[in-house]
Amino acid sequence: MNMQDLMRNVSASYKEFSSGQKKIADLFFREPIFIAFSSALEVGKRVEVSESTVIRWTQKLGYKGYTEFQHTLQRYVRDSSAR
């Protein structure tokens, strides 16, 4: 999987997200680097949802939690900037 696959996965799941989770997804498309290097609390504050909504969003995408999603995203960001 790479960044494009992750973006496709978020796009494919978008219609199933709650309104708060859609705000997180929108932020993900606009500023993936912010999400990659910010806490779930900071992400939630940015889009005015709770930290737990951010965590549930990553779980809905198939991750154990925010940390696992964030580490995956950081790896993709690093790999794409290395090219």
Protein backbone atom coordinates (compact mmCIF):
# COMPACT_ATOMS: atom_id res chain seq x y z
CA MET A 1 0.00 0.00 0.00
CA ASN A 2 1.14 3.57 -0.65
CA MET A 3 -0.22 7.10 -0.21
CA GLN A 4 -2.43 6.82 -3.31
CA ASP A 5 -3.92 3.58 -1.97
CA LEU A 6 -4.56 5.19 1.40
CA MET A 7 -6.30 8.16 -0.25
CA ARG A 8 -8.42 5.77 -2.33
CA ASN A 9 -9.32 3.83 0.83
CA VAL A 10 -10.46 7.03 2.58
CA SER A 11 -12.42 8.09 -0.54
CA ALA A 12 -14.12 4.70 -0.81
CA SER A 13 -15.15 4.80 2.86
CA TYR A 14 -16.22 8.48 2.84
CA LYS A 15 -19.96 7.89 2.45
CA GLU A 16 -19.95 5.63 5.53
CA PHE A 17 -18.34 8.26 7.79
CA SER A 18 -20.28 10.28 10.34
CA SER A 19 -20.38 14.04 9.76
CA GLY A 20 -17.49 14.48 12.22
CA GLN A 21 -15.46 11.77 10.52
CA LYS A 22 -16.05 13.45 7.15
CA LYS A 23 -14.44 16.61 8.60
CA ILE A 24 -11.36 14.55 9.48
CA ALA A 25 -11.29 12.97 6.02
CA ASP A 26 -11.54 16.42 4.41
CA LEU A 27 -8.58 17.56 6.53
CA PHE A 28 -6.70 14.40 5.55
CA PHE A 29 -7.12 15.25 1.84
CA ARG A 30 -6.12 18.90 2.39
CA GLU A 31 -3.31 18.46 4.93
CA PRO A 32 -2.09 14.87 5.29
CA ILE A 33 1.21 16.10 6.76
CA PHE A 34 -0.66 17.87 9.58
CA ILE A 35 -2.39 14.60 10.48
CA ALA A 36 0.86 12.63 10.13
CA PHE A 37 2.60 14.75 12.77
CA SER A 38 -0.21 15.93 15.08
CA SER A 39 -1.91 14.16 17.96
CA ALA A 40 -5.47 12.90 17.70
CA LEU A 41 -6.42 15.68 20.10
CA GLU A 42 -4.82 18.35 17.86
CA VAL A 43 -6.55 16.91 14.77
CA GLY A 44 -9.88 16.90 16.59
CA LYS A 45 -9.43 20.51 17.71
CA ARG A 46 -8.56 21.59 14.14
CA VAL A 47 -11.88 20.26 12.77
CA GLU A 48 -13.95 20.67 15.97
CA VAL A 49 -14.55 17.01 16.80
CA SER A 50 -13.52 14.95 19.81
CA GLU A 51 -10.27 13.04 20.10
CA SER A 52 -12.30 9.82 20.27
CA THR A 53 -13.96 10.65 16.93
CA VAL A 54 -10.49 10.88 15.37
CA ILE A 55 -9.55 7.50 16.87
CA ARG A 56 -12.80 5.88 15.71
CA TRP A 57 -12.20 7.26 12.20
CA THR A 58 -8.86 5.46 11.99
CA GLN A 59 -10.45 2.28 13.32
CA LYS A 60 -13.14 2.52 10.66
CA LEU A 61 -10.30 2.57 8.11
CA GLY A 62 -9.03 -0.74 9.51
CA TYR A 63 -6.31 0.42 11.89
CA LYS A 64 -6.04 -0.57 15.57
CA GLY A 65 -5.99 3.09 16.49
CA TYR A 66 -4.67 6.52 15.70
CA THR A 67 -1.02 5.69 16.43
CA GLU A 68 -0.94 2.83 13.94
CA PHE A 69 -2.61 4.99 11.27
CA GLN A 70 -0.25 7.88 12.02
CA HIS A 71 2.88 5.71 11.73
CA THR A 72 1.65 4.36 8.39
CA LEU A 73 0.93 7.89 7.15
CA GLN A 74 4.34 9.14 8.34
CA ARG A 75 6.03 6.34 6.39
CA TYR A 76 4.11 7.29 3.20
CA VAL A 77 4.94 10.98 3.66
CA ARG A 78 8.63 10.13 4.16
CA ASP A 79 8.68 7.77 1.17
CA SER A 80 6.99 10.26 -1.16
CA SER A 81 9.28 13.13 -0.12
CA ALA A 82 12.35 10.93 -0.66
CA ARG A 83 11.54 10.58 -4.36
